[in-house]
All heavy atoms as atom14 arrays in JSON, in Angstrom:
{
  "sequence": "DQGRVHVQITPTYSGCPAMETISTDLVDALTSAGYQHVDVEF",
  "atom14_mask": [
    [1, 1, 1, 1, 1, 1, 1, 1, 0, 0, 0, 0, 0, 0],
    [1, 1, 1, 1, 1, 1, 1, 1, 1, 0, 0, 0, 0, 0],
    [1, 1, 1, 1, 0, 0, 0, 0, 0, 0, 0, 0, 0, 0],
    [1, 1, 1, 1, 1, 1, 1, 1, 1, 1, 1, 0, 0, 0],
    [1, 1, 1, 1, 1, 1, 1, 0, 0, 0, 0, 0, 0, 0],
    [1, 1, 1, 1, 1, 1, 1, 1, 1, 1, 0, 0, 0, 0],
    [1, 1, 1, 1, 1, 1, 1, 0, 0, 0, 0, 0, 0, 0],
    [1, 1, 1, 1, 1, 1, 1, 1, 1, 0, 0, 0, 0, 0],
    [1, 1, 1, 1, 1, 1, 1, 1, 0, 0, 0, 0, 0, 0],
    [1, 1, 1, 1, 1, 1, 1, 0, 0, 0, 0, 0, 0, 0],
    [1, 1, 1, 1, 1, 1, 1, 0, 0, 0, 0, 0, 0, 0],
    [1, 1, 1, 1, 1, 1, 1, 0, 0, 0, 0, 0, 0, 0],
    [1, 1, 1, 1, 1, 1, 1, 1, 1, 1, 1, 1, 0, 0],
    [1, 1, 1, 1, 1, 1, 0, 0, 0, 0, 0, 0, 0, 0],
    [1, 1, 1, 1, 0, 0, 0, 0, 0, 0, 0, 0, 0, 0],
    [1, 1, 1, 1, 1, 1, 0, 0, 0, 0, 0, 0, 0, 0],
    [1, 1, 1, 1, 1, 1, 1, 0, 0, 0, 0, 0, 0, 0],
    [1, 1, 1, 1, 1, 0, 0, 0, 0, 0, 0, 0, 0, 0],
    [1, 1, 1, 1, 1, 1, 1, 1, 0, 0, 0, 0, 0, 0],
    [1, 1, 1, 1, 1, 1, 1, 1, 1, 0, 0, 0, 0, 0],
    [1, 1, 1, 1, 1, 1, 1, 0, 0, 0, 0, 0, 0, 0],
    [1, 1, 1, 1, 1, 1, 1, 1, 0, 0, 0, 0, 0, 0],
    [1, 1, 1, 1, 1, 1, 0, 0, 0, 0, 0, 0, 0, 0],
    [1, 1, 1, 1, 1, 1, 1, 0, 0, 0, 0, 0, 0, 0],
    [1, 1, 1, 1, 1, 1, 1, 1, 0, 0, 0, 0, 0, 0],
    [1, 1, 1, 1, 1, 1, 1, 1, 0, 0, 0, 0, 0, 0],
    [1, 1, 1, 1, 1, 1, 1, 0, 0, 0, 0, 0, 0, 0],
    [1, 1, 1, 1, 1, 1, 1, 1, 0, 0, 0, 0, 0, 0],
    [1, 1, 1, 1, 1, 0, 0, 0, 0, 0, 0, 0, 0, 0],
    [1, 1, 1, 1, 1, 1, 1, 1, 0, 0, 0, 0, 0, 0],
    [1, 1, 1, 1, 1, 1, 1, 0, 0, 0, 0, 0, 0, 0],
    [1, 1, 1, 1, 1, 1, 0, 0, 0, 0, 0, 0, 0, 0],
    [1, 1, 1, 1, 1, 0, 0, 0, 0, 0, 0, 0, 0, 0],
    [1, 1, 1, 1, 0, 0, 0, 0, 0, 0, 0, 0, 0, 0],
    [1, 1, 1, 1, 1, 1, 1, 1, 1, 1, 1, 1, 0, 0],
    [1, 1, 1, 1, 1, 1, 1, 1, 1, 0, 0, 0, 0, 0],
    [1, 1, 1, 1, 1, 1, 1, 1, 1, 1, 0, 0, 0, 0],
    [1, 1, 1, 1, 1, 1, 1, 0, 0, 0, 0, 0, 0, 0],
    [1, 1, 1, 1, 1, 1, 1, 1, 0, 0, 0, 0, 0, 0],
    [1, 1, 1, 1, 1, 1, 1, 0, 0, 0, 0, 0, 0, 0],
    [1, 1, 1, 1, 1, 1, 1, 1, 1, 0, 0, 0, 0, 0],
    [1, 1, 1, 1, 1, 1, 1, 1, 1, 1, 1, 0, 0, 0]
  ],
  "atom14_positions": [
    [[17.48, 14.89, -32.4], [18.74, 14.32, -32.88], [19.95, 15.14, -32.55], [21.1, 14.75, -32.79], [18.68, 14.03, -34.37], [18.36, 15.27, -35.22], [18.16, 16.37, -34.62], [18.34, 15.13, -36.44], [0.0, 0.0, 0.0], [0.0, 0.0, 0.0], [0.0, 0.0, 0.0], [0.0, 0.0, 0.0], [0.0, 0.0, 0.0], [0.0, 0.0, 0.0]],
    [[19.78, 16.34, -31.98], [20.9, 17.19, -31.59], [21.14, 17.15, -30.08], [21.89, 17.99, -29.54], [20.65, 18.63, -32.06], [20.61, 18.73, -33.58], [20.26, 20.11, -34.06], [20.03, 21.02, -33.25], [20.23, 20.28, -35.36], [0.0, 0.0, 0.0], [0.0, 0.0, 0.0], [0.0, 0.0, 0.0], [0.0, 0.0, 0.0], [0.0, 0.0, 0.0]],
    [[20.5, 16.22, -29.4], [20.72, 16.04, -27.96], [19.97, 16.99, -27.06], [20.24, 17.1, -25.88], [0.0, 0.0, 0.0], [0.0, 0.0, 0.0], [0.0, 0.0, 0.0], [0.0, 0.0, 0.0], [0.0, 0.0, 0.0], [0.0, 0.0, 0.0], [0.0, 0.0, 0.0], [0.0, 0.0, 0.0], [0.0, 0.0, 0.0], [0.0, 0.0, 0.0]],
    [[18.96, 17.67, -27.61], [18.11, 18.54, -26.8], [17.0, 17.68, -26.18], [16.36, 16.9, -26.85], [17.51, 19.68, -27.62], [18.56, 20.67, -28.08], [17.9, 21.85, -28.78], [17.3, 21.38, -30.03], [17.62, 21.87, -31.24], [18.51, 22.82, -31.36], [17.02, 21.4, -32.31], [0.0, 0.0, 0.0], [0.0, 0.0, 0.0], [0.0, 0.0, 0.0]],
    [[16.81, 17.89, -24.87], [15.8, 17.11, -24.13], [14.71, 18.06, -23.66], [14.98, 19.14, -23.13], [16.42, 16.37, -22.94], [15.37, 15.63, -22.15], [17.49, 15.41, -23.4], [0.0, 0.0, 0.0], [0.0, 0.0, 0.0], [0.0, 0.0, 0.0], [0.0, 0.0, 0.0], [0.0, 0.0, 0.0], [0.0, 0.0, 0.0], [0.0, 0.0, 0.0]],
    [[13.45, 17.67, -23.88], [12.29, 18.42, -23.41], [11.53, 17.53, -22.43], [11.16, 16.43, -22.75], [11.41, 18.79, -24.59], [10.21, 19.59, -24.2], [10.26, 20.93, -23.94], [8.91, 19.22, -24.07], [9.06, 21.35, -23.64], [8.21, 20.34, -23.7], [0.0, 0.0, 0.0], [0.0, 0.0, 0.0], [0.0, 0.0, 0.0], [0.0, 0.0, 0.0]],
    [[11.36, 18.04, -21.2], [10.68, 17.29, -20.15], [9.4, 18.01, -19.78], [9.4, 19.23, -19.61], [11.6, 17.17, -18.88], [10.87, 16.34, -17.8], [12.92, 16.56, -19.24], [0.0, 0.0, 0.0], [0.0, 0.0, 0.0], [0.0, 0.0, 0.0], [0.0, 0.0, 0.0], [0.0, 0.0, 0.0], [0.0, 0.0, 0.0], [0.0, 0.0, 0.0]],
    [[8.32, 17.26, -19.69], [7.04, 17.82, -19.24], [6.7, 17.24, -17.88], [6.74, 16.02, -17.67], [5.92, 17.5, -20.23], [6.08, 18.17, -21.55], [4.95, 17.83, -22.5], [4.46, 16.68, -22.53], [4.51, 18.79, -23.28], [0.0, 0.0, 0.0], [0.0, 0.0, 0.0], [0.0, 0.0, 0.0], [0.0, 0.0, 0.0], [0.0, 0.0, 0.0]],
    [[6.35, 18.15, -16.93], [5.95, 17.74, -15.6], [4.66, 18.49, -15.21], [4.41, 19.59, -15.72], [7.04, 17.98, -14.53], [7.52, 19.43, -14.54], [8.21, 17.03, -14.73], [8.56, 19.77, -13.46], [0.0, 0.0, 0.0], [0.0, 0.0, 0.0], [0.0, 0.0, 0.0], [0.0, 0.0, 0.0], [0.0, 0.0, 0.0], [0.0, 0.0, 0.0]],
    [[3.88, 17.87, -14.36], [2.63, 18.48, -13.9], [2.7, 18.58, -12.37], [2.99, 17.59, -11.7], [1.42, 17.63, -14.31], [1.36, 17.63, -15.72], [0.14, 18.15, -13.76], [0.0, 0.0, 0.0], [0.0, 0.0, 0.0], [0.0, 0.0, 0.0], [0.0, 0.0, 0.0], [0.0, 0.0, 0.0], [0.0, 0.0, 0.0], [0.0, 0.0, 0.0]],
    [[2.41, 19.76, -11.83], [2.43, 19.9, -10.36], [1.29, 19.14, -9.72], [0.24, 18.95, -10.34], [2.28, 21.4, -10.15], [1.6, 21.91, -11.37], [2.06, 21.01, -12.5], [0.0, 0.0, 0.0], [0.0, 0.0, 0.0], [0.0, 0.0, 0.0], [0.0, 0.0, 0.0], [0.0, 0.0, 0.0], [0.0, 0.0, 0.0], [0.0, 0.0, 0.0]],
    [[1.49, 18.74, -8.47], [0.41, 18.07, -7.73], [-0.73, 19.04, -7.45], [-1.86, 18.61, -7.29], [0.91, 17.47, -6.4], [1.56, 18.5, -5.65], [1.91, 16.36, -6.67], [0.0, 0.0, 0.0], [0.0, 0.0, 0.0], [0.0, 0.0, 0.0], [0.0, 0.0, 0.0], [0.0, 0.0, 0.0], [0.0, 0.0, 0.0], [0.0, 0.0, 0.0]],
    [[-0.42, 20.31, -7.36], [-1.44, 21.35, -7.28], [-0.84, 22.66, -7.74], [0.37, 22.82, -7.71], [-2.02, 21.47, -5.85], [-1.04, 21.99, -4.82], [-0.99, 23.35, -4.5], [-0.12, 21.13, -4.21], [-0.08, 23.82, -3.59], [0.78, 21.6, -3.29], [0.8, 22.96, -2.97], [1.72, 23.41, -2.08], [0.0, 0.0, 0.0], [0.0, 0.0, 0.0]],
    [[-1.67, 23.59, -8.18], [-1.18, 24.88, -8.67], [-0.43, 25.57, -7.55], [-0.89, 25.63, -6.41], [-2.31, 25.77, -9.14], [-2.92, 25.19, -10.26], [0.0, 0.0, 0.0], [0.0, 0.0, 0.0], [0.0, 0.0, 0.0], [0.0, 0.0, 0.0], [0.0, 0.0, 0.0], [0.0, 0.0, 0.0], [0.0, 0.0, 0.0], [0.0, 0.0, 0.0]],
    [[0.72, 26.12, -7.86], [1.5, 26.79, -6.84], [2.38, 25.94, -6.03], [2.95, 26.4, -5.03], [0.0, 0.0, 0.0], [0.0, 0.0, 0.0], [0.0, 0.0, 0.0], [0.0, 0.0, 0.0], [0.0, 0.0, 0.0], [0.0, 0.0, 0.0], [0.0, 0.0, 0.0], [0.0, 0.0, 0.0], [0.0, 0.0, 0.0], [0.0, 0.0, 0.0]],
    [[2.52, 24.67, -6.37], [3.38, 23.77, -5.61], [4.81, 24.29, -5.58], [5.43, 24.45, -6.63], [3.36, 22.37, -6.18], [4.49, 21.2, -5.42], [0.0, 0.0, 0.0], [0.0, 0.0, 0.0], [0.0, 0.0, 0.0], [0.0, 0.0, 0.0], [0.0, 0.0, 0.0], [0.0, 0.0, 0.0], [0.0, 0.0, 0.0], [0.0, 0.0, 0.0]],
    [[5.37, 24.59, -4.41], [6.69, 25.19, -4.33], [7.82, 24.24, -4.75], [8.91, 24.69, -5.06], [6.84, 25.6, -2.88], [5.91, 24.7, -2.14], [4.75, 24.43, -3.08], [0.0, 0.0, 0.0], [0.0, 0.0, 0.0], [0.0, 0.0, 0.0], [0.0, 0.0, 0.0], [0.0, 0.0, 0.0], [0.0, 0.0, 0.0], [0.0, 0.0, 0.0]],
    [[7.54, 22.96, -4.79], [8.57, 21.99, -5.16], [8.88, 21.97, -6.65], [9.91, 21.44, -7.08], [8.16, 20.58, -4.7], [0.0, 0.0, 0.0], [0.0, 0.0, 0.0], [0.0, 0.0, 0.0], [0.0, 0.0, 0.0], [0.0, 0.0, 0.0], [0.0, 0.0, 0.0], [0.0, 0.0, 0.0], [0.0, 0.0, 0.0], [0.0, 0.0, 0.0]],
    [[8.01, 22.55, -7.49], [8.18, 22.44, -8.93], [9.47, 23.1, -9.43], [10.11, 22.6, -10.32], [6.95, 23.04, -9.65], [5.7, 22.21, -9.45], [5.9, 20.44, -9.78], [5.96, 20.45, -11.54], [0.0, 0.0, 0.0], [0.0, 0.0, 0.0], [0.0, 0.0, 0.0], [0.0, 0.0, 0.0], [0.0, 0.0, 0.0], [0.0, 0.0, 0.0]],
    [[9.84, 24.23, -8.84], [11.08, 24.87, -9.27], [12.29, 24.01, -8.92], [13.23, 23.89, -9.69], [11.2, 26.26, -8.65], [10.28, 27.3, -9.27], [10.46, 27.49, -10.78], [11.61, 27.45, -11.28], [9.45, 27.66, -11.48], [0.0, 0.0, 0.0], [0.0, 0.0, 0.0], [0.0, 0.0, 0.0], [0.0, 0.0, 0.0], [0.0, 0.0, 0.0]],
    [[12.24, 23.41, -7.75], [13.34, 22.49, -7.34], [13.37, 21.29, -8.26], [14.46, 20.88, -8.7], [13.15, 22.05, -5.88], [13.14, 23.23, -5.05], [14.24, 21.1, -5.44], [0.0, 0.0, 0.0], [0.0, 0.0, 0.0], [0.0, 0.0, 0.0], [0.0, 0.0, 0.0], [0.0, 0.0, 0.0], [0.0, 0.0, 0.0], [0.0, 0.0, 0.0]],
    [[12.22, 20.73, -8.57], [12.19, 19.56, -9.47], [12.73, 19.96, -10.85], [13.52, 19.21, -11.43], [10.74, 19.01, -9.59], [10.34, 18.39, -8.24], [10.63, 17.99, -10.74], [8.84, 18.05, -8.16], [0.0, 0.0, 0.0], [0.0, 0.0, 0.0], [0.0, 0.0, 0.0], [0.0, 0.0, 0.0], [0.0, 0.0, 0.0], [0.0, 0.0, 0.0]],
    [[12.36, 21.12, -11.34], [12.85, 21.59, -12.64], [14.37, 21.72, -12.63], [15.06, 21.23, -13.54], [12.21, 22.92, -12.99], [12.72, 23.44, -14.21], [0.0, 0.0, 0.0], [0.0, 0.0, 0.0], [0.0, 0.0, 0.0], [0.0, 0.0, 0.0], [0.0, 0.0, 0.0], [0.0, 0.0, 0.0], [0.0, 0.0, 0.0], [0.0, 0.0, 0.0]],
    [[14.9, 22.36, -11.63], [16.36, 22.52, -11.47], [17.05, 21.16, -11.36], [18.08, 20.92, -12.01], [16.69, 23.39, -10.24], [16.08, 24.68, -10.45], [18.18, 23.56, -10.06], [0.0, 0.0, 0.0], [0.0, 0.0, 0.0], [0.0, 0.0, 0.0], [0.0, 0.0, 0.0], [0.0, 0.0, 0.0], [0.0, 0.0, 0.0], [0.0, 0.0, 0.0]],
    [[16.48, 20.27, -10.55], [17.07, 18.94, -10.39], [17.06, 18.16, -11.72], [18.02, 17.42, -12.01], [16.32, 18.15, -9.31], [16.56, 18.69, -7.89], [17.44, 19.57, -7.73], [15.85, 18.24, -6.98], [0.0, 0.0, 0.0], [0.0, 0.0, 0.0], [0.0, 0.0, 0.0], [0.0, 0.0, 0.0], [0.0, 0.0, 0.0], [0.0, 0.0, 0.0]],
    [[15.99, 18.31, -12.49], [15.94, 17.63, -13.8], [17.02, 18.15, -14.73], [17.73, 17.36, -15.37], [14.55, 17.82, -14.43], [13.41, 16.95, -13.93], [12.07, 17.5, -14.37], [13.61, 15.51, -14.38], [0.0, 0.0, 0.0], [0.0, 0.0, 0.0], [0.0, 0.0, 0.0], [0.0, 0.0, 0.0], [0.0, 0.0, 0.0], [0.0, 0.0, 0.0]],
    [[17.15, 19.46, -14.81], [18.18, 20.05, -15.67], [19.55, 19.6, -15.21], [20.39, 19.17, -16.03], [18.08, 21.59, -15.68], [19.26, 22.23, -16.38], [16.76, 22.03, -16.36], [0.0, 0.0, 0.0], [0.0, 0.0, 0.0], [0.0, 0.0, 0.0], [0.0, 0.0, 0.0], [0.0, 0.0, 0.0], [0.0, 0.0, 0.0], [0.0, 0.0, 0.0]],
    [[19.82, 19.64, -13.93], [21.13, 19.21, -13.39], [21.41, 17.75, -13.69], [22.5, 17.39, -14.13], [21.19, 19.45, -11.87], [21.26, 20.91, -11.49], [21.46, 21.76, -12.38], [21.08, 21.21, -10.29], [0.0, 0.0, 0.0], [0.0, 0.0, 0.0], [0.0, 0.0, 0.0], [0.0, 0.0, 0.0], [0.0, 0.0, 0.0], [0.0, 0.0, 0.0]],
    [[20.43, 16.88, -13.46], [20.63, 15.44, -13.66], [20.89, 15.11, -15.13], [21.79, 14.34, -15.46], [19.44, 14.64, -13.16], [0.0, 0.0, 0.0], [0.0, 0.0, 0.0], [0.0, 0.0, 0.0], [0.0, 0.0, 0.0], [0.0, 0.0, 0.0], [0.0, 0.0, 0.0], [0.0, 0.0, 0.0], [0.0, 0.0, 0.0], [0.0, 0.0, 0.0]],
    [[20.11, 15.74, -16.01], [20.26, 15.45, -17.43], [21.53, 16.07, -18.03], [22.19, 15.43, -18.86], [19.0, 15.87, -18.2], [17.8, 14.94, -17.93], [16.48, 15.64, -18.28], [17.94, 13.62, -18.65], [0.0, 0.0, 0.0], [0.0, 0.0, 0.0], [0.0, 0.0, 0.0], [0.0, 0.0, 0.0], [0.0, 0.0, 0.0], [0.0, 0.0, 0.0]],
    [[21.89, 17.29, -17.64], [23.11, 17.88, -18.16], [24.33, 17.15, -17.59], [25.32, 16.95, -18.32], [23.21, 19.4, -17.88], [23.04, 19.64, -16.49], [22.17, 20.16, -18.68], [0.0, 0.0, 0.0], [0.0, 0.0, 0.0], [0.0, 0.0, 0.0], [0.0, 0.0, 0.0], [0.0, 0.0, 0.0], [0.0, 0.0, 0.0], [0.0, 0.0, 0.0]],
    [[24.24, 16.66, -16.36], [25.36, 15.88, -15.8], [25.56, 14.56, -16.56], [26.65, 14.0, -16.58], [25.1, 15.57, -14.32], [25.17, 16.76, -13.57], [0.0, 0.0, 0.0], [0.0, 0.0, 0.0], [0.0, 0.0, 0.0], [0.0, 0.0, 0.0], [0.0, 0.0, 0.0], [0.0, 0.0, 0.0], [0.0, 0.0, 0.0], [0.0, 0.0, 0.0]],
    [[24.47, 14.07, -17.15], [24.52, 12.83, -17.91], [24.99, 13.06, -19.35], [25.08, 12.12, -20.14], [23.17, 12.14, -17.9], [0.0, 0.0, 0.0], [0.0, 0.0, 0.0], [0.0, 0.0, 0.0], [0.0, 0.0, 0.0], [0.0, 0.0, 0.0], [0.0, 0.0, 0.0], [0.0, 0.0, 0.0], [0.0, 0.0, 0.0], [0.0, 0.0, 0.0]],
    [[25.25, 14.34, -19.73], [25.8, 14.64, -21.02], [24.84, 15.29, -22.0], [25.23, 15.55, -23.15], [0.0, 0.0, 0.0], [0.0, 0.0, 0.0], [0.0, 0.0, 0.0], [0.0, 0.0, 0.0], [0.0, 0.0, 0.0], [0.0, 0.0, 0.0], [0.0, 0.0, 0.0], [0.0, 0.0, 0.0], [0.0, 0.0, 0.0], [0.0, 0.0, 0.0]],
    [[23.61, 15.49, -21.63], [22.67, 16.14, -22.53], [23.0, 17.64, -22.61], [23.21, 18.28, -21.55], [21.21, 15.9, -22.09], [20.84, 14.43, -22.23], [20.94, 13.58, -21.15], [20.46, 13.92, -23.45], [20.64, 12.23, -21.29], [20.15, 12.59, -23.61], [20.25, 11.73, -22.52], [19.94, 10.41, -22.66], [0.0, 0.0, 0.0], [0.0, 0.0, 0.0]],
    [[23.07, 18.18, -23.79], [23.55, 19.55, -24.02], [22.55, 20.62, -23.64], [22.89, 21.65, -23.07], [23.96, 19.73, -25.47], [25.09, 18.8, -25.9], [26.35, 19.03, -25.1], [26.79, 20.18, -24.96], [26.94, 17.97, -24.57], [0.0, 0.0, 0.0], [0.0, 0.0, 0.0], [0.0, 0.0, 0.0], [0.0, 0.0, 0.0], [0.0, 0.0, 0.0]],
    [[21.28, 20.42, -23.97], [20.27, 21.41, -23.69], [19.04, 20.72, -23.15], [18.52, 19.79, -23.75], [19.91, 22.17, -24.99], [18.79, 23.14, -24.77], [18.97, 24.33, -24.07], [17.49, 23.12, -25.15], [17.8, 24.97, -24.06], [16.89, 24.25, -24.69], [0.0, 0.0, 0.0], [0.0, 0.0, 0.0], [0.0, 0.0, 0.0], [0.0, 0.0, 0.0]],
    [[18.6, 21.15, -21.98], [17.42, 20.55, -21.33], [16.45, 21.68, -20.99], [16.84, 22.69, -20.43], [17.82, 19.83, -20.02], [16.59, 19.25, -19.33], [18.86, 18.75, -20.29], [0.0, 0.0, 0.0], [0.0, 0.0, 0.0], [0.0, 0.0, 0.0], [0.0, 0.0, 0.0], [0.0, 0.0, 0.0], [0.0, 0.0, 0.0], [0.0, 0.0, 0.0]],
    [[15.2, 21.52, -21.42], [14.19, 22.47, -20.95], [13.04, 21.69, -20.32], [12.77, 20.55, -20.68], [13.7, 23.39, -22.07], [12.88, 22.69, -23.13], [13.41, 21.82, -23.84], [11.67, 22.99, -23.21], [0.0, 0.0, 0.0], [0.0, 0.0, 0.0], [0.0, 0.0, 0.0], [0.0, 0.0, 0.0], [0.0, 0.0, 0.0], [0.0, 0.0, 0.0]],
    [[12.47, 22.32, -19.31], [11.4, 21.71, -18.53], [10.13, 22.56, -18.71], [10.17, 23.77, -18.51], [11.75, 21.56, -17.05], [10.63, 20.96, -16.26], [13.04, 20.74, -16.88], [0.0, 0.0, 0.0], [0.0, 0.0, 0.0], [0.0, 0.0, 0.0], [0.0, 0.0, 0.0], [0.0, 0.0, 0.0], [0.0, 0.0, 0.0], [0.0, 0.0, 0.0]],
    [[9.04, 21.92, -19.06], [7.77, 22.59, -19.26], [6.79, 22.14, -18.19], [6.65, 20.94, -17.92], [7.21, 22.24, -20.64], [5.84, 22.8, -20.93], [5.27, 22.29, -22.24], [5.87, 21.44, -22.91], [4.18, 22.79, -22.59], [0.0, 0.0, 0.0], [0.0, 0.0, 0.0], [0.0, 0.0, 0.0], [0.0, 0.0, 0.0], [0.0, 0.0, 0.0]],
    [[6.1, 23.08, -17.56], [5.04, 22.77, -16.61], [3.73, 22.64, -17.39], [3.31, 23.57, -18.08], [4.88, 23.87, -15.55], [6.12, 24.06, -14.7], [6.52, 25.31, -14.32], [6.88, 22.97, -14.28], [7.64, 25.52, -13.53], [8.02, 23.16, -13.5], [8.38, 24.41, -13.11], [0.0, 0.0, 0.0], [0.0, 0.0, 0.0], [0.0, 0.0, 0.0]]
  ]
}
């Protein structure tokens, strides 16, 4: 209720180099949409 968003994602395989980019892109997209705090969990 305070606008904090928690996102869970699973890599296609352990060590997938795209996961950091996906995490950053998620934070950027959600904060750009007005969400105050976004955390991404693998």
